[in-house]
PDB file of N, CA and C in Angstrom:
ATOM      1  N   UNK A   1     112.213 105.575  73.019  1.00  0.00           N
ATOM      2  CA  UNK A   1     112.227 104.823  74.253  1.00  0.00           C
ATOM      3  C   UNK A   1     111.308 103.610  74.088  1.00  0.00           C
ATOM      4  N   UNK A   2     111.824 102.446  74.404  1.00  0.00           N
ATOM      5  CA  UNK A   2     111.000 101.247  74.276  1.00  0.00           C
ATOM      6  C   UNK A   2     110.155 101.037  75.536  1.00  0.00           C
ATOM      7  N   UNK A   3     109.250 100.064  75.467  1.00  0.00           N
ATOM      8  CA  UNK A   3     108.311  99.815  76.545  1.00  0.00           C
ATOM      9  C   UNK A   3     109.009  99.413  77.850  1.00  0.00           C
ATOM     10  N   UNK A   4     110.043  98.604  77.744  1.00  0.00           N
ATOM     11  CA  UNK A   4     110.749  98.139  78.942  1.00  0.00           C
ATOM     12  C   UNK A   4     111.450  99.308  79.627  1.00  0.00           C
ATOM     13  N   UNK A   5     112.075 100.150  78.844  1.00  0.00           N
ATOM     14  CA  UNK A   5     112.756 101.317  79.415  1.00  0.00           C
ATOM     15  C   UNK A   5     111.741 102.260  80.068  1.00  0.00           C
ATOM     16  N   UNK A   6     110.610 102.438  79.422  1.00  0.00           N
ATOM     17  CA  UNK A   6     109.555 103.279  79.992  1.00  0.00           C
ATOM     18  C   UNK A   6     109.059 102.694  81.312  1.00  0.00           C
ATOM     19  N   UNK A   7     108.925 101.387  81.362  1.00  0.00           N
ATOM     20  CA  UNK A   7     108.462 100.716  82.586  1.00  0.00           C
ATOM     21  C   UNK A   7     109.475 100.931  83.716  1.00  0.00           C
ATOM     22  N   UNK A   8     110.756 100.820  83.392  1.00  0.00           N
ATOM     23  CA  UNK A   8     111.786 101.034  84.422  1.00  0.00           C
ATOM     24  C   UNK A   8     111.782 102.474  84.915  1.00  0.00           C
ATOM     25  N   UNK A   9     111.567 103.427  84.012  1.00  0.00           N
ATOM     26  CA  UNK A   9     111.494 104.828  84.431  1.00  0.00           C
ATOM     27  C   UNK A   9     110.291 105.055  85.337  1.00  0.00           C
ATOM     28  N   UNK A  10     109.187 104.428  85.009  1.00  0.00           N
ATOM     29  CA  UNK A  10     107.989 104.543  85.840  1.00  0.00           C
ATOM     30  C   UNK A  10     108.251 103.965  87.227  1.00  0.00           C
ATOM     31  N   UNK A  11     108.905 102.816  87.285  1.00  0.00           N
ATOM     32  CA  UNK A  11     109.212 102.191  88.576  1.00  0.00           C
ATOM     33  C   UNK A  11     110.166 103.051  89.396  1.00  0.00           C
ATOM     34  N   UNK A  12     111.122 103.672  88.747  1.00  0.00           N
ATOM     35  CA  UNK A  12     112.038 104.570  89.450  1.00  0.00           C
ATOM     36  C   UNK A  12     111.258 105.748  90.032  1.00  0.00           C
ATOM     37  N   UNK A  13     110.341 106.295  89.249  1.00  0.00           N
ATOM     38  CA  UNK A  13     109.510 107.402  89.719  1.00  0.00           C
ATOM     39  C   UNK A  13     108.670 106.972  90.921  1.00  0.00           C
ATOM     40  N   UNK A  14     108.062 105.812  90.848  1.00  0.00           N
ATOM     41  CA  UNK A  14     107.237 105.313  91.943  1.00  0.00           C
ATOM     42  C   UNK A  14     108.075 105.133  93.205  1.00  0.00           C
ATOM     43  N   UNK A  15     109.256 104.569  93.062  1.00  0.00           N
ATOM     44  CA  UNK A  15     110.107 104.340  94.240  1.00  0.00           C
ATOM     45  C   UNK A  15     110.536 105.662  94.869  1.00  0.00           C
ATOM     46  N   UNK A  16     110.939 106.618  94.050  1.00  0.00           N
ATOM     47  CA  UNK A  16     111.353 107.914  94.588  1.00  0.00           C
ATOM     48  C   UNK A  16     110.192 108.604  95.305  1.00  0.00           C
ATOM     49  N   UNK A  17     109.014 108.523  94.729  1.00  0.00           N
ATOM     50  CA  UNK A  17     107.838 109.118  95.376  1.00  0.00           C
ATOM     51  C   UNK A  17     107.525 108.412  96.698  1.00  0.00           C
ATOM     52  N   UNK A  18     107.670 107.092  96.717  1.00  0.00           N
ATOM     53  CA  UNK A  18     107.413 106.335  97.948  1.00  0.00           C
ATOM     54  C   UNK A  18     108.392 106.747  99.044  1.00  0.00           C
ATOM     55  N   UNK A  19     109.652 106.905  98.684  1.00  0.00           N
ATOM     56  CA  UNK A  19     110.652 107.310  99.677  1.00  0.00           C
ATOM     57  C   UNK A  19     110.370 108.722 100.187  1.00  0.00           C
ATOM     58  N   UNK A  20     109.902 109.596  99.318  1.00  0.00           N
ATOM     59  CA  UNK A  20     109.538 110.948  99.740  1.00  0.00           C
ATOM     60  C   UNK A  20     108.343 110.895 100.701  1.00  0.00           C
ATOM     61  N   UNK A  21     107.355 110.097 100.362  1.00  0.00           N
ATOM     62  CA  UNK A  21     106.172 109.961 101.217  1.00  0.00           C
ATOM     63  C   UNK A  21     106.563 109.387 102.573  1.00  0.00           C
ATOM     64  N   UNK A  22     107.493 108.442 102.580  1.00  0.00           N
ATOM     65  CA  UNK A  22     107.928 107.832 103.843  1.00  0.00           C
ATOM     66  C   UNK A  22     108.439 108.892 104.811  1.00  0.00           C
ATOM     67  N   UNK A  23     109.193 109.861 104.315  1.00  0.00           N
ATOM     68  CA  UNK A  23     109.718 110.926 105.181  1.00  0.00           C
ATOM     69  C   UNK A  23     108.579 111.754 105.774  1.00  0.00           C
ATOM     70  N   UNK A  24     107.508 111.907 105.012  1.00  0.00           N
ATOM     71  CA  UNK A  24     106.378 112.703 105.485  1.00  0.00           C
ATOM     72  C   UNK A  24     105.609 111.998 106.605  1.00  0.00           C
ATOM     73  N   UNK A  25     105.742 110.689 106.709  1.00  0.00           N
ATOM     74  CA  UNK A  25     105.096 109.954 107.801  1.00  0.00           C
ATOM     75  C   UNK A  25     105.707 110.316 109.154  1.00  0.00           C
ATOM     76  N   UNK A  26     106.899 110.846 109.134  1.00  0.00           N
ATOM     77  CA  UNK A  26     107.591 111.194 110.381  1.00  0.00           C
ATOM     78  C   UNK A  26     107.146 112.553 110.930  1.00  0.00           C
ATOM     79  N   UNK A  27     106.246 113.203 110.238  1.00  0.00           N
ATOM     80  CA  UNK A  27     105.751 114.514 110.647  1.00  0.00           C
ATOM     81  C   UNK A  27     104.932 114.401 111.935  1.00  0.00           C
ATOM     82  N   UNK A  28     104.990 115.446 112.728  1.00  0.00           N
ATOM     83  CA  UNK A  28     104.161 115.511 113.934  1.00  0.00           C
ATOM     84  C   UNK A  28     102.777 116.062 113.621  1.00  0.00           C
ATOM     85  N   UNK A  29     102.568 116.445 112.382  1.00  0.00           N
ATOM     86  CA  UNK A  29     101.308 117.028 111.955  1.00  0.00           C
ATOM     87  C   UNK A  29     100.375 115.906 111.484  1.00  0.00           C
ATOM     88  N   UNK A  30      99.258 115.692 112.191  1.00  0.00           N
ATOM     89  CA  UNK A  30      98.332 114.611 111.816  1.00  0.00           C
ATOM     90  C   UNK A  30      97.777 114.763 110.392  1.00  0.00           C
ATOM     91  N   UNK A  31      97.533 115.996 109.970  1.00  0.00           N
ATOM     92  CA  UNK A  31      97.025 116.210 108.614  1.00  0.00           C
ATOM     93  C   UNK A  31      98.048 115.774 107.569  1.00  0.00           C
ATOM     94  N   UNK A  32      99.308 116.070 107.826  1.00  0.00           N
ATOM     95  CA  UNK A  32     100.381 115.676 106.908  1.00  0.00           C
ATOM     96  C   UNK A  32     100.481 114.150 106.839  1.00  0.00           C
ATOM     97  N   UNK A  33     100.347 113.491 107.971  1.00  0.00           N
ATOM     98  CA  UNK A  33     100.407 112.032 108.020  1.00  0.00           C
ATOM     99  C   UNK A  33      99.230 111.417 107.261  1.00  0.00           C
ATOM    100  N   UNK A  34      98.046 111.980 107.427  1.00  0.00           N
ATOM    101  CA  UNK A  34      96.868 111.457 106.719  1.00  0.00           C
ATOM    102  C   UNK A  34      97.007 111.659 105.214  1.00  0.00           C
ATOM    103  N   UNK A  35      97.538 112.801 104.817  1.00  0.00           N
ATOM    104  CA  UNK A  35      97.753 113.067 103.401  1.00  0.00           C
ATOM    105  C   UNK A  35      98.785 112.091 102.833  1.00  0.00           C
ATOM    106  N   UNK A  36      99.837 111.839 103.600  1.00  0.00           N
ATOM    107  CA  UNK A  36     100.867 110.892 103.165  1.00  0.00           C
ATOM    108  C   UNK A  36     100.270 109.491 103.004  1.00  0.00           C
ATOM    109  N   UNK A  37      99.398 109.080 103.918  1.00  0.00           N
ATOM    110  CA  UNK A  37      98.754 107.768 103.817  1.00  0.00           C
ATOM    111  C   UNK A  37      97.920 107.667 102.548  1.00  0.00           C
ATOM    112  N   UNK A  38      97.201 108.713 102.250  1.00  0.00           N
ATOM    113  CA  UNK A  38      96.367 108.745 101.053  1.00  0.00           C
ATOM    114  C   UNK A  38      97.220 108.680  99.783  1.00  0.00           C
ATOM    115  N   UNK A  39      98.299 109.442  99.766  1.00  0.00           N
ATOM    116  CA  UNK A  39      99.193 109.445  98.610  1.00  0.00           C
ATOM    117  C   UNK A  39      99.880 108.093  98.430  1.00  0.00           C
ATOM    118  N   UNK A  40     100.246 107.466  99.539  1.00  0.00           N
ATOM    119  CA  UNK A  40     100.885 106.158  99.464  1.00  0.00           C
ATOM    120  C   UNK A  40      99.916 105.119  98.901  1.00  0.00           C
ATOM    121  N   UNK A  41      98.677 105.154  99.338  1.00  0.00           N
ATOM    122  CA  UNK A  41      97.675 104.210  98.823  1.00  0.00           C
ATOM    123  C   UNK A  41      97.492 104.397  97.316  1.00  0.00           C
ATOM    124  N   UNK A  42      97.450 105.638  96.866  1.00  0.00           N
ATOM    125  CA  UNK A  42      97.306 105.911  95.430  1.00  0.00           C
ATOM    126  C   UNK A  42      98.540 105.431  94.668  1.00  0.00           C
ATOM    127  N   UNK A  43      99.706 105.605  95.258  1.00  0.00           N
ATOM    128  CA  UNK A  43     100.947 105.165  94.623  1.00  0.00           C
ATOM    129  C   UNK A  43     101.010 103.642  94.537  1.00  0.00           C
ATOM    130  N   UNK A  44     100.566 102.973  95.573  1.00  0.00           N
ATOM    131  CA  UNK A  44     100.530 101.509  95.559  1.00  0.00           C
ATOM    132  C   UNK A  44      99.574 101.008  94.484  1.00  0.00           C
ATOM    133  N   UNK A  45      98.440 101.660  94.332  1.00  0.00           N
ATOM    134  CA  UNK A  45      97.497 101.297  93.265  1.00  0.00           C
ATOM    135  C   UNK A  45      98.122 101.517  91.891  1.00  0.00           C
ATOM    136  N   UNK A  46      98.802 102.642  91.746  1.00  0.00           N
ATOM    137  CA  UNK A  46      99.479 102.935  90.464  1.00  0.00           C
ATOM    138  C   UNK A  46     100.488 101.846  90.146  1.00  0.00           C
ATOM    139  N   UNK A  47     101.264 101.446  91.143  1.00  0.00           N
ATOM    140  CA  UNK A  47     102.264 100.400  90.942  1.00  0.00           C
ATOM    141  C   UNK A  47     101.597  99.104  90.489  1.00  0.00           C
ATOM    142  N   UNK A  48     100.544  98.709  91.171  1.00  0.00           N
ATOM    143  CA  UNK A  48      99.851  97.458  90.824  1.00  0.00           C
ATOM    144  C   UNK A  48      99.274  97.528  89.413  1.00  0.00           C
ATOM    145  N   UNK A  49      98.747  98.686  89.036  1.00  0.00           N
ATOM    146  CA  UNK A  49      98.213  98.854  87.677  1.00  0.00           C
ATOM    147  C   UNK A  49      99.322  98.790  86.631  1.00  0.00           C
ATOM    148  N   UNK A  50     100.417  99.460  86.906  1.00  0.00           N
ATOM    149  CA  UNK A  50     101.535  99.517  85.950  1.00  0.00           C
ATOM    150  C   UNK A  50     102.183  98.145  85.735  1.00  0.00           C
ATOM    151  N   UNK A  51     102.156  97.328  86.761  1.00  0.00           N
ATOM    152  CA  UNK A  51     102.887  96.052  86.718  1.00  0.00           C
ATOM    153  C   UNK A  51     101.953  94.850  86.733  1.00  0.00           C
ATOM    154  N   UNK A  52     100.798  94.984  86.101  1.00  0.00           N
ATOM    155  CA  UNK A  52      99.816  93.895  86.072  1.00  0.00           C
ATOM    156  C   UNK A  52     100.400  92.581  85.569  1.00  0.00           C
ATOM    157  N   UNK A  53     101.331  92.664  84.633  1.00  0.00           N
ATOM    158  CA  UNK A  53     101.905  91.444  84.066  1.00  0.00           C
ATOM    159  C   UNK A  53     102.963  90.815  84.976  1.00  0.00           C
ATOM    160  N   UNK A  54     103.376  91.516  86.005  1.00  0.00           N
ATOM    161  CA  UNK A  54     104.407  91.017  86.924  1.00  0.00           C
ATOM    162  C   UNK A  54     103.816  90.624  88.277  1.00  0.00           C
ATOM    163  N   UNK A  55     102.943  91.452  88.787  1.00  0.00           N
ATOM    164  CA  UNK A  55     102.491  91.290  90.160  1.00  0.00           C
ATOM    165  C   UNK A  55     101.312  90.302  90.252  1.00  0.00           C
ATOM    166  N   UNK A  56     101.353  89.472  91.258  1.00  0.00           N
ATOM    167  CA  UNK A  56     100.274  88.515  91.517  1.00  0.00           C
ATOM    168  C   UNK A  56      99.332  89.111  92.573  1.00  0.00           C
ATOM    169  N   UNK A  57      98.118  88.598  92.680  1.00  0.00           N
ATOM    170  CA  UNK A  57      97.204  89.126  93.717  1.00  0.00           C
ATOM    171  C   UNK A  57      97.780  89.061  95.142  1.00  0.00           C
ATOM    172  N   UNK A  58      98.461  87.967  95.540  1.00  0.00           N
ATOM    173  CA  UNK A  58      99.059  87.978  96.883  1.00  0.00           C
ATOM    174  C   UNK A  58     100.149  89.046  97.034  1.00  0.00           C
ATOM    175  N   UNK A  59     100.903  89.273  95.961  1.00  0.00           N
ATOM    176  CA  UNK A  59     101.933  90.321  96.024  1.00  0.00           C
ATOM    177  C   UNK A  59     101.269  91.693  96.164  1.00  0.00           C
ATOM    178  N   UNK A  60     100.210  91.919  95.424  1.00  0.00           N
ATOM    179  CA  UNK A  60      99.506  93.202  95.503  1.00  0.00           C
ATOM    180  C   UNK A  60      98.984  93.441  96.918  1.00  0.00           C
ATOM    181  N   UNK A  61      98.467  92.404  97.525  1.00  0.00           N
ATOM    182  CA  UNK A  61      97.966  92.516  98.899  1.00  0.00           C
ATOM    183  C   UNK A  61      99.109  92.852  99.861  1.00  0.00           C
ATOM    184  N   UNK A  62     100.242  92.191  99.701  1.00  0.00           N
ATOM    185  CA  UNK A  62     101.398  92.443 100.556  1.00  0.00           C
ATOM    186  C   UNK A  62     101.940  93.853 100.377  1.00  0.00           C
ATOM    187  N   UNK A  63     101.956  94.320  99.128  1.00  0.00           N
ATOM    188  CA  UNK A  63     102.432  95.666  98.812  1.00  0.00           C
ATOM    189  C   UNK A  63     101.593  96.709  99.549  1.00  0.00           C
ATOM    190  N   UNK A  64     100.302  96.467  99.615  1.00  0.00           N
ATOM    191  CA  UNK A  64      99.395  97.431 100.242  1.00  0.00           C
ATOM    192  C   UNK A  64      99.394  97.337 101.762  1.00  0.00           C
ATOM    193  N   UNK A  65      99.951  96.260 102.287  1.00  0.00           N
ATOM    194  CA  UNK A  65      99.944  96.042 103.730  1.00  0.00           C
ATOM    195  C   UNK A  65     101.212  96.562 104.413  1.00  0.00           C
ATOM    196  N   UNK A  66     102.350  96.502 103.710  1.00  0.00           N
ATOM    197  CA  UNK A  66     103.628  96.812 104.364  1.00  0.00           C
ATOM    198  C   UNK A  66     104.509  97.660 103.447  1.00  0.00           C
ATOM    199  N   UNK A  67     104.980  98.780 103.967  1.00  0.00           N
ATOM    200  CA  UNK A  67     105.791  99.704 103.168  1.00  0.00           C
ATOM    201  C   UNK A  67     107.102  99.071 102.698  1.00  0.00           C
ATOM    202  N   UNK A  68     107.797  98.372 103.586  1.00  0.00           N
ATOM    203  CA  UNK A  68     109.077  97.761 103.192  1.00  0.00           C
ATOM    204  C   UNK A  68     108.879  96.700 102.115  1.00  0.00           C
ATOM    205  N   UNK A  69     107.807  95.958 102.213  1.00  0.00           N
ATOM    206  CA  UNK A  69     107.483  94.980 101.173  1.00  0.00           C
ATOM    207  C   UNK A  69     107.241  95.697  99.851  1.00  0.00           C
ATOM    208  N   UNK A  70     106.566  96.825  99.910  1.00  0.00           N
ATOM    209  CA  UNK A  70     106.316  97.643  98.719  1.00  0.00           C
ATOM    210  C   UNK A  70     107.637  97.983  98.035  1.00  0.00           C
ATOM    211  N   UNK A  71     108.612  98.448  98.800  1.00  0.00           N
ATOM    212  CA  UNK A  71     109.905  98.808  98.221  1.00  0.00           C
ATOM    213  C   UNK A  71     110.619  97.601  97.624  1.00  0.00           C
ATOM    214  N   UNK A  72     110.561  96.479  98.303  1.00  0.00           N
ATOM    215  CA  UNK A  72     111.208  95.259  97.811  1.00  0.00           C
ATOM    216  C   UNK A  72     110.573  94.800  96.499  1.00  0.00           C
ATOM    217  N   UNK A  73     109.257  94.833  96.434  1.00  0.00           N
ATOM    218  CA  UNK A  73     108.566  94.386  95.222  1.00  0.00           C
ATOM    219  C   UNK A  73     108.828  95.353  94.060  1.00  0.00           C
ATOM    220  N   UNK A  74     108.949  96.629  94.350  1.00  0.00           N
ATOM    221  CA  UNK A  74     109.347  97.582  93.301  1.00  0.00           C
ATOM    222  C   UNK A  74     110.700  97.172  92.732  1.00  0.00           C
ATOM    223  N   UNK A  75     111.645  96.848  93.598  1.00  0.00           N
ATOM    224  CA  UNK A  75     112.981  96.427  93.132  1.00  0.00           C
ATOM    225  C   UNK A  75     112.905  95.135  92.323  1.00  0.00           C
ATOM    226  N   UNK A  76     112.089  94.195  92.761  1.00  0.00           N
ATOM    227  CA  UNK A  76     111.918  92.943  92.007  1.00  0.00           C
ATOM    228  C   UNK A  76     111.370  93.232  90.620  1.00  0.00           C
ATOM    229  N   UNK A  77     110.360  94.103  90.574  1.00  0.00           N
ATOM    230  CA  UNK A  77     109.754  94.448  89.283  1.00  0.00           C
ATOM    231  C   UNK A  77     110.781  95.140  88.387  1.00  0.00           C
ATOM    232  N   UNK A  78     111.574  96.020  88.965  1.00  0.00           N
ATOM    233  CA  UNK A  78     112.605  96.710  88.180  1.00  0.00           C
ATOM    234  C   UNK A  78     113.571  95.689  87.575  1.00  0.00           C
ATOM    235  N   UNK A  79     114.021  94.745  88.398  1.00  0.00           N
ATOM    236  CA  UNK A  79     114.935  93.698  87.895  1.00  0.00           C
ATOM    237  C   UNK A  79     114.265  92.848  86.828  1.00  0.00           C
ATOM    238  N   UNK A  80     112.991  92.538  87.023  1.00  0.00           N
ATOM    239  CA  UNK A  80     112.227  91.754  86.045  1.00  0.00           C
ATOM    240  C   UNK A  80     112.217  92.457  84.694  1.00  0.00           C
ATOM    241  N   UNK A  81     111.910  93.738  84.705  1.00  0.00           N
ATOM    242  CA  UNK A  81     111.849  94.488  83.444  1.00  0.00           C
ATOM    243  C   UNK A  81     113.237  94.746  82.871  1.00  0.00           C
ATOM    244  N   UNK A  82     114.213  94.854  83.734  1.00  0.00           N
ATOM    245  CA  UNK A  82     115.596  95.023  83.269  1.00  0.00           C
ATOM    246  C   UNK A  82     116.021  93.771  82.491  1.00  0.00           C
ATOM    247  N   UNK A  83     115.742  92.607  83.052  1.00  0.00           N
ATOM    248  CA  UNK A  83     116.085  91.351  82.364  1.00  0.00           C
ATOM    249  C   UNK A  83     115.282  91.191  81.074  1.00  0.00           C
ATOM    250  N   UNK A  84     114.047  91.658  81.087  1.00  0.00           N
ATOM    251  CA  UNK A  84     113.201  91.569  79.894  1.00  0.00           C
ATOM    252  C   UNK A  84     113.769  92.426  78.762  1.00  0.00           C
ATOM    253  N   UNK A  85     114.475  93.491  79.133  1.00  0.00           N
ATOM    254  CA  UNK A  85     115.034  94.382  78.131  1.00  0.00           C
ATOM    255  C   UNK A  85     116.389  93.965  77.620  1.00  0.00           C
ATOM    256  N   UNK A  86     117.024  93.038  78.304  1.00  0.00           N
ATOM    257  CA  UNK A  86     118.369  92.570  77.899  1.00  0.00           C
ATOM    258  C   UNK A  86     118.314  91.592  76.749  1.00  0.00           C
TER     259      UNK A  86
END
């Protein structure tokens, strides 16, 4: 497996985890919601670390501020690495 393919697999994993966490935000349990917030913050940090060569500081800030932006930037990064591998 080359580096680009590994990066795309990592991004797919991050996106799937983010979507799973999003469902947990709908819980009526405050503890579950707090845990989901913590996991999402860690996932956003992981994404920013993994994609240092793609993401800019303003993008990183936006990713951490808005969940939908996070998903969009994951898709952009995936496309970026997909093109890099072609």
